[in-house]
Amino acid sequence: MKTIMIPPIGIARIKELSNIKALNAHFGGSVESVTSPRLPYPFCMIADEEGRMKGLLRNNFASWLYGVDNHGEIIVGDVFLMKSVRSSDGYNLVGLTEQEIHHLAGRFQLELASVTDDA
């Protein structure tokens, strides 16, 4: 599944994940799905649930996307843009299509580096 990974420093890139376990492995533990009015449904950000406790760097773009200017809450560390799709058993995280990647990159003026495998 393809995602857009946005690090706190550096260029966003398309990241190919083999499965959700690869996402958990990237963060070394629990992940948190974060929604925002600036990121319309079905899109969401996946962040490290324990990022602040780990002392990760502030992610300015992700914090803006989350609405830090409205409520003061920041996002830290890497974030992955994905989709959260409702199904009969709740919500499932799924990857992005090429069209969705280009749409999001254009909408938020993200420069994207090339595809890399497994987070």
PDB file of N, CA and C in Angstrom:
ATOM      1  N   MET A   1       0.844  -1.172   0.000  1.00  0.00           N
ATOM      2  CA  MET A   1       0.000   0.000   0.000  1.00  0.00           C
ATOM      3  C   MET A   1       0.892   1.238   0.000  1.00  0.00           C
ATOM      4  N   LYS A   2       0.489   2.233  -0.769  1.00  0.00           N
ATOM      5  CA  LYS A   2       1.273   3.455  -0.875  1.00  0.00           C
ATOM      6  C   LYS A   2       0.747   4.505   0.098  1.00  0.00           C
ATOM      7  N   THR A   3       1.696   5.251   0.659  1.00  0.00           N
ATOM      8  CA  THR A   3       1.377   6.334   1.578  1.00  0.00           C
ATOM      9  C   THR A   3       2.274   7.518   1.236  1.00  0.00           C
ATOM     10  N   ILE A   4       1.986   8.649   1.848  1.00  0.00           N
ATOM     11  CA  ILE A   4       2.906   9.781   1.806  1.00  0.00           C
ATOM     12  C   ILE A   4       3.456   9.919   3.208  1.00  0.00           C
ATOM     13  N   MET A   5       4.779   9.836   3.338  1.00  0.00           N
ATOM     14  CA  MET A   5       5.420  10.016   4.639  1.00  0.00           C
ATOM     15  C   MET A   5       5.982  11.432   4.701  1.00  0.00           C
ATOM     16  N   ILE A   6       5.618  12.130   5.772  1.00  0.00           N
ATOM     17  CA  ILE A   6       6.085  13.501   5.961  1.00  0.00           C
ATOM     18  C   ILE A   6       6.920  13.541   7.234  1.00  0.00           C
ATOM     19  N   PRO A   7       8.253  13.693   7.083  1.00  0.00           N
ATOM     20  CA  PRO A   7       9.120  13.772   8.261  1.00  0.00           C
ATOM     21  C   PRO A   7       9.119  15.190   8.836  1.00  0.00           C
ATOM     22  N   PRO A   8       9.569  15.365  10.079  1.00  0.00           N
ATOM     23  CA  PRO A   8       9.634  16.707  10.659  1.00  0.00           C
ATOM     24  C   PRO A   8      10.621  17.613   9.916  1.00  0.00           C
ATOM     25  N   ILE A   9      11.668  17.000   9.362  1.00  0.00           N
ATOM     26  CA  ILE A   9      12.687  17.734   8.613  1.00  0.00           C
ATOM     27  C   ILE A   9      12.913  16.997   7.304  1.00  0.00           C
ATOM     28  N   GLY A  10      12.989  17.729   6.219  1.00  0.00           N
ATOM     29  CA  GLY A  10      13.269  17.096   4.934  1.00  0.00           C
ATOM     30  C   GLY A  10      12.046  17.036   4.041  1.00  0.00           C
ATOM     31  N   ILE A  11      12.187  16.303   2.974  1.00  0.00           N
ATOM     32  CA  ILE A  11      11.172  16.232   1.921  1.00  0.00           C
ATOM     33  C   ILE A  11      10.228  15.053   2.156  1.00  0.00           C
ATOM     34  N   ALA A  12       8.947  15.307   1.895  1.00  0.00           N
ATOM     35  CA  ALA A  12       7.953  14.227   1.953  1.00  0.00           C
ATOM     36  C   ALA A  12       8.278  13.216   0.860  1.00  0.00           C
ATOM     37  N   ARG A  13       7.884  11.973   1.090  1.00  0.00           N
ATOM     38  CA  ARG A  13       8.137  10.962   0.073  1.00  0.00           C
ATOM     39  C   ARG A  13       7.024   9.920   0.053  1.00  0.00           C
ATOM     40  N   ILE A  14       6.895   9.316  -1.109  1.00  0.00           N
ATOM     41  CA  ILE A  14       5.957   8.219  -1.253  1.00  0.00           C
ATOM     42  C   ILE A  14       6.616   7.007  -0.619  1.00  0.00           C
ATOM     43  N   LYS A  15       5.871   6.350   0.237  1.00  0.00           N
ATOM     44  CA  LYS A  15       6.400   5.196   0.963  1.00  0.00           C
ATOM     45  C   LYS A  15       5.504   4.007   0.677  1.00  0.00           C
ATOM     46  N   GLU A  16       6.098   2.913   0.274  1.00  0.00           N
ATOM     47  CA  GLU A  16       5.364   1.677   0.008  1.00  0.00           C
ATOM     48  C   GLU A  16       5.454   0.795   1.250  1.00  0.00           C
ATOM     49  N   LEU A  17       4.306   0.436   1.810  1.00  0.00           N
ATOM     50  CA  LEU A  17       4.250  -0.432   2.985  1.00  0.00           C
ATOM     51  C   LEU A  17       3.690  -1.791   2.578  1.00  0.00           C
ATOM     52  N   SER A  18       4.276  -2.846   3.093  1.00  0.00           N
ATOM     53  CA  SER A  18       3.777  -4.176   2.764  1.00  0.00           C
ATOM     54  C   SER A  18       2.463  -4.463   3.497  1.00  0.00           C
ATOM     55  N   ASN A  19       2.330  -3.886   4.712  1.00  0.00           N
ATOM     56  CA  ASN A  19       1.120  -4.094   5.508  1.00  0.00           C
ATOM     57  C   ASN A  19       1.128  -3.128   6.697  1.00  0.00           C
ATOM     58  N   ILE A  20       0.095  -3.177   7.501  1.00  0.00           N
ATOM     59  CA  ILE A  20      -0.012  -2.282   8.658  1.00  0.00           C
ATOM     60  C   ILE A  20       1.075  -2.571   9.689  1.00  0.00           C
ATOM     61  N   LYS A  21       1.514  -3.815   9.777  1.00  0.00           N
ATOM     62  CA  LYS A  21       2.590  -4.147  10.721  1.00  0.00           C
ATOM     63  C   LYS A  21       3.862  -3.371  10.409  1.00  0.00           C
ATOM     64  N   ALA A  22       4.116  -3.093   9.142  1.00  0.00           N
ATOM     65  CA  ALA A  22       5.287  -2.300   8.757  1.00  0.00           C
ATOM     66  C   ALA A  22       5.164  -0.874   9.292  1.00  0.00           C
ATOM     67  N   LEU A  23       3.947  -0.371   9.344  1.00  0.00           N
ATOM     68  CA  LEU A  23       3.697   0.958   9.902  1.00  0.00           C
ATOM     69  C   LEU A  23       3.997   0.967  11.405  1.00  0.00           C
ATOM     70  N   ASN A  24       3.499  -0.024  12.116  1.00  0.00           N
ATOM     71  CA  ASN A  24       3.779  -0.139  13.555  1.00  0.00           C
ATOM     72  C   ASN A  24       5.277  -0.277  13.805  1.00  0.00           C
ATOM     73  N   ALA A  25       5.960  -1.052  12.958  1.00  0.00           N
ATOM     74  CA  ALA A  25       7.410  -1.243  13.115  1.00  0.00           C
ATOM     75  C   ALA A  25       8.151   0.072  12.926  1.00  0.00           C
ATOM     76  N   HIS A  26       7.691   0.909  12.004  1.00  0.00           N
ATOM     77  CA  HIS A  26       8.331   2.203  11.780  1.00  0.00           C
ATOM     78  C   HIS A  26       8.305   3.037  13.062  1.00  0.00           C
ATOM     79  N   PHE A  27       7.179   3.030  13.735  1.00  0.00           N
ATOM     80  CA  PHE A  27       7.018   3.829  14.945  1.00  0.00           C
ATOM     81  C   PHE A  27       7.520   3.116  16.198  1.00  0.00           C
ATOM     82  N   GLY A  28       7.766   1.841  16.108  1.00  0.00           N
ATOM     83  CA  GLY A  28       8.245   1.103  17.265  1.00  0.00           C
ATOM     84  C   GLY A  28       7.196   0.952  18.344  1.00  0.00           C
ATOM     85  N   GLY A  29       5.941   0.883  17.947  1.00  0.00           N
ATOM     86  CA  GLY A  29       4.866   0.728  18.929  1.00  0.00           C
ATOM     87  C   GLY A  29       3.539   1.166  18.370  1.00  0.00           C
ATOM     88  N   SER A  30       2.754   1.800  19.216  1.00  0.00           N
ATOM     89  CA  SER A  30       1.384   2.173  18.874  1.00  0.00           C
ATOM     90  C   SER A  30       1.324   3.373  17.939  1.00  0.00           C
ATOM     91  N   VAL A  31       0.334   3.326  17.059  1.00  0.00           N
ATOM     92  CA  VAL A  31       0.085   4.436  16.151  1.00  0.00           C
ATOM     93  C   VAL A  31      -1.262   5.066  16.488  1.00  0.00           C
ATOM     94  N   GLU A  32      -1.411   6.290  16.048  1.00  0.00           N
ATOM     95  CA  GLU A  32      -2.650   7.029  16.284  1.00  0.00           C
ATOM     96  C   GLU A  32      -3.134   7.594  14.961  1.00  0.00           C
ATOM     97  N   SER A  33      -4.413   7.403  14.662  1.00  0.00           N
ATOM     98  CA  SER A  33      -5.025   7.991  13.480  1.00  0.00           C
ATOM     99  C   SER A  33      -5.568   9.366  13.864  1.00  0.00           C
ATOM    100  N   VAL A  34      -5.154  10.372  13.112  1.00  0.00           N
ATOM    101  CA  VAL A  34      -5.509  11.754  13.423  1.00  0.00           C
ATOM    102  C   VAL A  34      -6.262  12.345  12.237  1.00  0.00           C
ATOM    103  N   THR A  35      -7.421  12.938  12.513  1.00  0.00           N
ATOM    104  CA  THR A  35      -8.190  13.592  11.462  1.00  0.00           C
ATOM    105  C   THR A  35      -8.112  15.101  11.636  1.00  0.00           C
ATOM    106  N   SER A  36      -8.483  15.804  10.576  1.00  0.00           N
ATOM    107  CA  SER A  36      -8.406  17.257  10.597  1.00  0.00           C
ATOM    108  C   SER A  36      -9.352  17.838   9.564  1.00  0.00           C
ATOM    109  N   PRO A  37      -9.929  19.010   9.845  1.00  0.00           N
ATOM    110  CA  PRO A  37     -10.751  19.667   8.827  1.00  0.00           C
ATOM    111  C   PRO A  37      -9.938  20.026   7.577  1.00  0.00           C
ATOM    112  N   ARG A  38      -8.630  20.182   7.730  1.00  0.00           N
ATOM    113  CA  ARG A  38      -7.786  20.511   6.579  1.00  0.00           C
ATOM    114  C   ARG A  38      -7.445  19.279   5.743  1.00  0.00           C
ATOM    115  N   LEU A  39      -7.768  18.119   6.255  1.00  0.00           N
ATOM    116  CA  LEU A  39      -7.510  16.868   5.563  1.00  0.00           C
ATOM    117  C   LEU A  39      -8.850  16.131   5.490  1.00  0.00           C
ATOM    118  N   PRO A  40      -9.600  16.330   4.413  1.00  0.00           N
ATOM    119  CA  PRO A  40     -10.972  15.820   4.360  1.00  0.00           C
ATOM    120  C   PRO A  40     -11.056  14.305   4.336  1.00  0.00           C
ATOM    121  N   TYR A  41     -12.192  13.789   4.837  1.00  0.00           N
ATOM    122  CA  TYR A  41     -12.478  12.363   4.807  1.00  0.00           C
ATOM    123  C   TYR A  41     -12.400  11.889   3.377  1.00  0.00           C
ATOM    124  N   PRO A  42     -11.801  10.754   3.134  1.00  0.00           N
ATOM    125  CA  PRO A  42     -11.397   9.694   4.040  1.00  0.00           C
ATOM    126  C   PRO A  42      -9.928   9.762   4.466  1.00  0.00           C
ATOM    127  N   PHE A  43      -9.256  10.867   4.178  1.00  0.00           N
ATOM    128  CA  PHE A  43      -7.827  10.961   4.468  1.00  0.00           C
ATOM    129  C   PHE A  43      -7.572  11.204   5.950  1.00  0.00           C
ATOM    130  N   CYS A  44      -6.446  10.679   6.422  1.00  0.00           N
ATOM    131  CA  CYS A  44      -6.055  10.872   7.814  1.00  0.00           C
ATOM    132  C   CYS A  44      -4.533  10.840   7.912  1.00  0.00           C
ATOM    133  N   MET A  45      -4.036  11.279   9.041  1.00  0.00           N
ATOM    134  CA  MET A  45      -2.609  11.194   9.339  1.00  0.00           C
ATOM    135  C   MET A  45      -2.416  10.078  10.344  1.00  0.00           C
ATOM    136  N   ILE A  46      -1.349   9.326  10.174  1.00  0.00           N
ATOM    137  CA  ILE A  46      -0.980   8.314  11.151  1.00  0.00           C
ATOM    138  C   ILE A  46       0.294   8.810  11.821  1.00  0.00           C
ATOM    139  N   ALA A  47       0.248   8.898  13.141  1.00  0.00           N
ATOM    140  CA  ALA A  47       1.369   9.439  13.912  1.00  0.00           C
ATOM    141  C   ALA A  47       1.746   8.475  15.025  1.00  0.00           C
ATOM    142  N   ASP A  48       2.907   8.718  15.609  1.00  0.00           N
ATOM    143  CA  ASP A  48       3.389   7.926  16.735  1.00  0.00           C
ATOM    144  C   ASP A  48       2.602   8.339  17.976  1.00  0.00           C
ATOM    145  N   GLU A  49       1.858   7.403  18.532  1.00  0.00           N
ATOM    146  CA  GLU A  49       1.012   7.705  19.693  1.00  0.00           C
ATOM    147  C   GLU A  49       1.836   8.181  20.897  1.00  0.00           C
ATOM    148  N   GLU A  50       3.084   7.735  20.983  1.00  0.00           N
ATOM    149  CA  GLU A  50       3.941   8.095  22.118  1.00  0.00           C
ATOM    150  C   GLU A  50       5.041   9.074  21.714  1.00  0.00           C
ATOM    151  N   GLY A  51       4.846   9.760  20.600  1.00  0.00           N
ATOM    152  CA  GLY A  51       5.870  10.650  20.065  1.00  0.00           C
ATOM    153  C   GLY A  51       6.346  11.730  21.020  1.00  0.00           C
ATOM    154  N   ARG A  52       5.438  12.337  21.743  1.00  0.00           N
ATOM    155  CA  ARG A  52       5.842  13.394  22.692  1.00  0.00           C
ATOM    156  C   ARG A  52       6.661  12.821  23.830  1.00  0.00           C
ATOM    157  N   MET A  53       6.256  11.654  24.334  1.00  0.00           N
ATOM    158  CA  MET A  53       7.013  11.023  25.424  1.00  0.00           C
ATOM    159  C   MET A  53       8.408  10.620  24.951  1.00  0.00           C
ATOM    160  N   LYS A  54       8.533  10.297  23.670  1.00  0.00           N
ATOM    161  CA  LYS A  54       9.827   9.915  23.106  1.00  0.00           C
ATOM    162  C   LYS A  54      10.698  11.141  22.791  1.00  0.00           C
ATOM    163  N   GLY A  55      10.115  12.326  22.887  1.00  0.00           N
ATOM    164  CA  GLY A  55      10.871  13.543  22.605  1.00  0.00           C
ATOM    165  C   GLY A  55      11.125  13.778  21.124  1.00  0.00           C
ATOM    166  N   LEU A  56      10.213  13.322  20.271  1.00  0.00           N
ATOM    167  CA  LEU A  56      10.385  13.492  18.832  1.00  0.00           C
ATOM    168  C   LEU A  56      10.240  14.954  18.433  1.00  0.00           C
ATOM    169  N   LEU A  57      10.851  15.307  17.312  1.00  0.00           N
ATOM    170  CA  LEU A  57      10.809  16.674  16.811  1.00  0.00           C
ATOM    171  C   LEU A  57       9.408  17.082  16.368  1.00  0.00           C
ATOM    172  N   ARG A  58       9.099  18.341  16.558  1.00  0.00           N
ATOM    173  CA  ARG A  58       7.820  18.889  16.088  1.00  0.00           C
ATOM    174  C   ARG A  58       7.776  18.803  14.567  1.00  0.00           C
ATOM    175  N   ASN A  59       6.646  18.360  14.070  1.00  0.00           N
ATOM    176  CA  ASN A  59       6.413  18.298  12.634  1.00  0.00           C
ATOM    177  C   ASN A  59       5.517  19.490  12.293  1.00  0.00           C
ATOM    178  N   ASN A  60       6.117  20.557  11.775  1.00  0.00           N
ATOM    179  CA  ASN A  60       5.378  21.799  11.535  1.00  0.00           C
ATOM    180  C   ASN A  60       4.245  21.634  10.531  1.00  0.00           C
ATOM    181  N   PHE A  61       4.504  20.912   9.436  1.00  0.00           N
ATOM    182  CA  PHE A  61       3.448  20.733   8.449  1.00  0.00           C
ATOM    183  C   PHE A  61       2.287  19.934   9.032  1.00  0.00           C
ATOM    184  N   ALA A  62       2.597  18.811   9.681  1.00  0.00           N
ATOM    185  CA  ALA A  62       1.548  17.979  10.269  1.00  0.00           C
ATOM    186  C   ALA A  62       0.789  18.744  11.351  1.00  0.00           C
ATOM    187  N   SER A  63       1.489  19.561  12.127  1.00  0.00           N
ATOM    188  CA  SER A  63       0.835  20.366  13.164  1.00  0.00           C
ATOM    189  C   SER A  63      -0.123  21.368  12.530  1.00  0.00           C
ATOM    190  N   TRP A  64       0.291  22.008  11.438  1.00  0.00           N
ATOM    191  CA  TRP A  64      -0.586  22.943  10.736  1.00  0.00           C
ATOM    192  C   TRP A  64      -1.803  22.196  10.200  1.00  0.00           C
ATOM    193  N   LEU A  65      -1.550  21.039   9.574  1.00  0.00           N
ATOM    194  CA  LEU A  65      -2.638  20.237   9.019  1.00  0.00           C
ATOM    195  C   LEU A  65      -3.646  19.873  10.107  1.00  0.00           C
ATOM    196  N   TYR A  66      -3.148  19.587  11.294  1.00  0.00           N
ATOM    197  CA  TYR A  66      -3.983  19.210  12.431  1.00  0.00           C
ATOM    198  C   TYR A  66      -4.734  20.408  13.011  1.00  0.00           C
ATOM    199  N   GLY A  67      -4.264  21.626  12.744  1.00  0.00           N
ATOM    200  CA  GLY A  67      -4.947  22.824  13.230  1.00  0.00           C
ATOM    201  C   GLY A  67      -4.323  23.441  14.460  1.00  0.00           C
ATOM    202  N   VAL A  68      -2.999  23.327  14.606  1.00  0.00           N
ATOM    203  CA  VAL A  68      -2.314  23.874  15.781  1.00  0.00           C
ATOM    204  C   VAL A  68      -2.636  25.354  15.984  1.00  0.00           C
ATOM    205  N   ASP A  69      -2.873  26.073  14.900  1.00  0.00           N
ATOM    206  CA  ASP A  69      -3.190  27.502  14.992  1.00  0.00           C
ATOM    207  C   ASP A  69      -4.556  27.744  15.638  1.00  0.00           C
ATOM    208  N   ASN A  70      -5.394  26.721  15.691  1.00  0.00           N
ATOM    209  CA  ASN A  70      -6.716  26.849  16.319  1.00  0.00           C
ATOM    210  C   ASN A  70      -6.760  26.342  17.754  1.00  0.00           C
ATOM    211  N   HIS A  71      -5.984  25.290  18.069  1.00  0.00           N
ATOM    212  CA  HIS A  71      -6.098  24.682  19.402  1.00  0.00           C
ATOM    213  C   HIS A  71      -4.776  24.506  20.137  1.00  0.00           C
ATOM    214  N   GLY A  72      -3.638  24.748  19.492  1.00  0.00           N
ATOM    215  CA  GLY A  72      -2.349  24.694  20.168  1.00  0.00           C
ATOM    216  C   GLY A  72      -1.712  23.328  20.302  1.00  0.00           C
ATOM    217  N   GLU A  73      -2.385  22.267  19.874  1.00  0.00           N
ATOM    218  CA  GLU A  73      -1.836  20.907  19.980  1.00  0.00           C
ATOM    219  C   GLU A  73      -0.940  20.601  18.788  1.00  0.00           C
ATOM    220  N   ILE A  74       0.294  20.145  19.060  1.00  0.00           N
ATOM    221  CA  ILE A  74       1.239  19.864  17.987  1.00  0.00           C
ATOM    222  C   ILE A  74       1.292  18.367  17.658  1.00  0.00           C
ATOM    223  N   ILE A  75       1.826  18.070  16.488  1.00  0.00           N
ATOM    224  CA  ILE A  75       2.113  16.709  16.053  1.00  0.00           C
ATOM    225  C   ILE A  75       3.637  16.601  15.978  1.00  0.00           C
ATOM    226  N   VAL A  76       4.171  15.479  16.437  1.00  0.00           N
ATOM    227  CA  VAL A  76       5.629  15.289  16.425  1.00  0.00           C
ATOM    228  C   VAL A  76       6.000  14.053  15.613  1.00  0.00           C
ATOM    229  N   GLY A  77       7.239  14.049  15.124  1.00  0.00           N
ATOM    230  CA  GLY A  77       7.754  12.890  14.405  1.00  0.00           C
ATOM    231  C   GLY A  77       7.194  12.757  13.003  1.00  0.00           C
ATOM    232  N   ASP A  78       7.497  11.613  12.395  1.00  0.00           N
ATOM    233  CA  ASP A  78       6.994  11.302  11.063  1.00  0.00           C
ATOM    234  C   ASP A  78       5.494  11.109  11.101  1.00  0.00           C
ATOM    235  N   VAL A  79       4.830  11.476  10.020  1.00  0.00           N
ATOM    236  CA  VAL A  79       3.419  11.146   9.841  1.00  0.00           C
ATOM    237  C   VAL A  79       3.244  10.514   8.467  1.00  0.00           C
ATOM    238  N   PHE A  80       2.252   9.664   8.362  1.00  0.00           N
ATOM    239  CA  PHE A  80       1.906   9.030   7.099  1.00  0.00           C
ATOM    240  C   PHE A  80       0.504   9.466   6.732  1.00  0.00           C
ATOM    241  N   LEU A  81       0.312   9.899   5.491  1.00  0.00           N
ATOM    242  CA  LEU A  81      -1.028  10.206   5.008  1.00  0.00           C
ATOM    243  C   LEU A  81      -1.599   8.933   4.394  1.00  0.00           C
ATOM    244  N   MET A  82      -2.777   8.564   4.858  1.00  0.00           N
ATOM    245  CA  MET A  82      -3.457   7.353   4.405  1.00  0.00           C
ATOM    246  C   MET A  82      -4.946   7.644   4.335  1.00  0.00           C
ATOM    247  N   LYS A  83      -5.742   6.600   4.146  1.00  0.00           N
ATOM    248  CA  LYS A  83      -7.196   6.710   4.187  1.00  0.00           C
ATOM    249  C   LYS A  83      -7.712   5.826   5.311  1.00  0.00           C
ATOM    250  N   SER A  84      -8.753   6.302   5.966  1.00  0.00           N
ATOM    251  CA  SER A  84      -9.471   5.522   6.963  1.00  0.00           C
ATOM    252  C   SER A  84     -10.861   5.286   6.390  1.00  0.00           C
ATOM    253  N   VAL A  85     -11.108   4.047   5.989  1.00  0.00           N
ATOM    254  CA  VAL A  85     -12.342   3.714   5.277  1.00  0.00           C
ATOM    255  C   VAL A  85     -13.246   2.877   6.163  1.00  0.00           C
ATOM    256  N   ARG A  86     -14.492   3.288   6.235  1.00  0.00           N
ATOM    257  CA  ARG A  86     -15.465   2.569   7.057  1.00  0.00           C
ATOM    258  C   ARG A  86     -15.867   1.265   6.383  1.00  0.00           C
ATOM    259  N   SER A  87     -15.920   0.218   7.177  1.00  0.00           N
ATOM    260  CA  SER A  87     -16.371  -1.086   6.680  1.00  0.00           C
ATOM    261  C   SER A  87     -17.327  -1.680   7.715  1.00  0.00           C
ATOM    262  N   SER A  88     -17.790  -2.882   7.470  1.00  0.00           N
ATOM    263  CA  SER A  88     -18.740  -3.512   8.381  1.00  0.00           C
ATOM    264  C   SER A  88     -18.132  -3.780   9.761  1.00  0.00           C
ATOM    265  N   ASP A  89     -16.811  -3.872   9.841  1.00  0.00           N
ATOM    266  CA  ASP A  89     -16.163  -4.129  11.136  1.00  0.00           C
ATOM    267  C   ASP A  89     -15.449  -2.898  11.700  1.00  0.00           C
ATOM    268  N   GLY A  90     -15.873  -1.708  11.301  1.00  0.00           N
ATOM    269  CA  GLY A  90     -15.279  -0.472  11.820  1.00  0.00           C
ATOM    270  C   GLY A  90     -14.531   0.269  10.727  1.00  0.00           C
ATOM    271  N   TYR A  91     -13.423   0.907  11.123  1.00  0.00           N
ATOM    272  CA  TYR A  91     -12.614   1.657  10.171  1.00  0.00           C
ATOM    273  C   TYR A  91     -11.319   0.900   9.898  1.00  0.00           C
ATOM    274  N   ASN A  92     -10.896   0.906   8.652  1.00  0.00           N
ATOM    275  CA  ASN A  92      -9.661   0.249   8.257  1.00  0.00           C
ATOM    276  C   ASN A  92      -8.745   1.257   7.575  1.00  0.00           C
ATOM    277  N   LEU A  93      -7.454   1.167   7.861  1.00  0.00           N
ATOM    278  CA  LEU A  93      -6.471   1.999   7.189  1.00  0.00           C
ATOM    279  C   LEU A  93      -6.113   1.366   5.859  1.00  0.00           C
ATOM    280  N   VAL A  94      -6.146   2.174   4.817  1.00  0.00           N
ATOM    281  CA  VAL A  94      -5.772   1.683   3.487  1.00  0.00           C
ATOM    282  C   VAL A  94      -4.834   2.692   2.835  1.00  0.00           C
ATOM    283  N   GLY A  95      -4.107   2.206   1.840  1.00  0.00           N
ATOM    284  CA  GLY A  95      -3.158   3.047   1.128  1.00  0.00           C
ATOM    285  C   GLY A  95      -3.839   4.008   0.167  1.00  0.00           C
ATOM    286  N   LEU A  96      -3.012   4.809  -0.467  1.00  0.00           N
ATOM    287  CA  LEU A  96      -3.473   5.828  -1.405  1.00  0.00           C
ATOM    288  C   LEU A  96      -3.271   5.362  -2.842  1.00  0.00           C
ATOM    289  N   THR A  97      -4.149   5.790  -3.718  1.00  0.00           N
ATOM    290  CA  THR A  97      -3.961   5.547  -5.149  1.00  0.00           C
ATOM    291  C   THR A  97      -2.994   6.598  -5.684  1.00  0.00           C
ATOM    292  N   GLU A  98      -2.461   6.356  -6.868  1.00  0.00           N
ATOM    293  CA  GLU A  98      -1.577   7.343  -7.506  1.00  0.00           C
ATOM    294  C   GLU A  98      -2.297   8.678  -7.662  1.00  0.00           C
ATOM    295  N   GLN A  99      -3.562   8.633  -8.052  1.00  0.00           N
ATOM    296  CA  GLN A  99      -4.345   9.854  -8.239  1.00  0.00           C
ATOM    297  C   GLN A  99      -4.487  10.603  -6.915  1.00  0.00           C
ATOM    298  N   GLU A 100      -4.735   9.899  -5.818  1.00  0.00           N
ATOM    299  CA  GLU A 100      -4.864  10.542  -4.510  1.00  0.00           C
ATOM    300  C   GLU A 100      -3.539  11.130  -4.043  1.00  0.00           C
ATOM    301  N   ILE A 101      -2.443  10.433  -4.311  1.00  0.00           N
ATOM    302  CA  ILE A 101      -1.114  10.953  -3.955  1.00  0.00           C
ATOM    303  C   ILE A 101      -0.876  12.278  -4.670  1.00  0.00           C
ATOM    304  N   HIS A 102      -1.151  12.319  -5.973  1.00  0.00           N
ATOM    305  CA  HIS A 102      -0.931  13.547  -6.739  1.00  0.00           C
ATOM    306  C   HIS A 102      -1.896  14.650  -6.318  1.00  0.00           C
ATOM    307  N   HIS A 103      -3.122  14.275  -5.983  1.00  0.00           N
ATOM    308  CA  HIS A 103      -4.098  15.254  -5.503  1.00  0.00           C
ATOM    309  C   HIS A 103      -3.619  15.902  -4.199  1.00  0.00           C
ATOM    310  N   LEU A 104      -3.212  15.090  -3.230  1.00  0.00           N
ATOM    311  CA  LEU A 104      -2.755  15.617  -1.944  1.00  0.00           C
ATOM    312  C   LEU A 104      -1.473  16.423  -2.091  1.00  0.00           C
ATOM    313  N   ALA A 105      -0.547  15.937  -2.900  1.00  0.00           N
ATOM    314  CA  ALA A 105       0.707  16.661  -3.120  1.00  0.00           C
ATOM    315  C   ALA A 105       0.430  18.027  -3.736  1.00  0.00           C
ATOM    316  N   GLY A 106      -0.474  18.081  -4.695  1.00  0.00           N
ATOM    317  CA  GLY A 106      -0.829  19.354  -5.314  1.00  0.00           C
ATOM    318  C   GLY A 106      -1.583  20.276  -4.370  1.00  0.00           C
ATOM    319  N   ARG A 107      -2.519  19.724  -3.660  1.00  0.00           N
ATOM    320  CA  ARG A 107      -3.329  20.522  -2.736  1.00  0.00           C
ATOM    321  C   ARG A 107      -2.486  21.207  -1.668  1.00  0.00           C
ATOM    322  N   PHE A 108      -1.482  20.483  -1.148  1.00  0.00           N
ATOM    323  CA  PHE A 108      -0.656  21.018  -0.064  1.00  0.00           C
ATOM    324  C   PHE A 108       0.741  21.428  -0.521  1.00  0.00           C
ATOM    325  N   GLN A 109       0.952  21.470  -1.845  1.00  0.00           N
ATOM    326  CA  GLN A 109       2.226  21.874  -2.429  1.00  0.00           C
ATOM    327  C   GLN A 109       3.397  21.102  -1.828  1.00  0.00           C
ATOM    328  N   LEU A 110       3.240  19.788  -1.765  1.00  0.00           N
ATOM    329  CA  LEU A 110       4.291  18.921  -1.239  1.00  0.00           C
ATOM    330  C   LEU A 110       5.222  18.497  -2.362  1.00  0.00           C
ATOM    331  N   GLU A 111       6.505  18.669  -2.152  1.00  0.00           N
ATOM    332  CA  GLU A 111       7.499  18.112  -3.054  1.00  0.00           C
ATOM    333  C   GLU A 111       7.706  16.673  -2.595  1.00  0.00           C
ATOM    334  N   LEU A 112       7.589  15.731  -3.531  1.00  0.00           N
ATOM    335  CA  LEU A 112       7.693  14.322  -3.160  1.00  0.00           C
ATOM    336  C   LEU A 112       8.952  13.687  -3.723  1.00  0.00           C
ATOM    337  N   ALA A 113       9.690  12.994  -2.883  1.00  0.00           N
ATOM    338  CA  ALA A 113      10.837  12.197  -3.313  1.00  0.00           C
ATOM    339  C   ALA A 113      10.314  10.875  -3.861  1.00  0.00           C
ATOM    340  N   SER A 114      11.167  10.071  -4.417  1.00  0.00           N
ATOM    341  CA  SER A 114      10.762   8.817  -5.035  1.00  0.00           C
ATOM    342  C   SER A 114      10.291   7.776  -4.025  1.00  0.00           C
ATOM    343  N   VAL A 115       9.691   6.728  -4.549  1.00  0.00           N
ATOM    344  CA  VAL A 115       9.134   5.638  -3.735  1.00  0.00           C
ATOM    345  C   VAL A 115      10.256   4.891  -3.017  1.00  0.00           C
ATOM    346  N   THR A 116      10.022   4.600  -1.741  1.00  0.00           N
ATOM    347  CA  THR A 116      10.917   3.728  -0.986  1.00  0.00           C
ATOM    348  C   THR A 116      10.057   2.647  -0.355  1.00  0.00           C
ATOM    349  N   ASP A 117      10.643   1.486  -0.130  1.00  0.00           N
ATOM    350  CA  ASP A 117       9.879   0.361   0.406  1.00  0.00           C
ATOM    351  C   ASP A 117       9.836   0.373   1.907  1.00  0.00           C
ATOM    352  N   ASP A 118       8.896  -0.426   2.428  1.00  0.00           N
ATOM    353  CA  ASP A 118       8.649  -0.613   3.857  1.00  0.00           C
ATOM    354  C   ASP A 118       9.223   0.435   4.792  1.00  0.00           C
ATOM    355  N   ALA A 119       8.318   1.011   5.564  1.00  0.00           N
ATOM    356  CA  ALA A 119       8.698   2.009   6.570  1.00  0.00           C
ATOM    357  C   ALA A 119       9.608   1.335   7.513  1.00  0.00           C
TER     358      ALA A 119
END
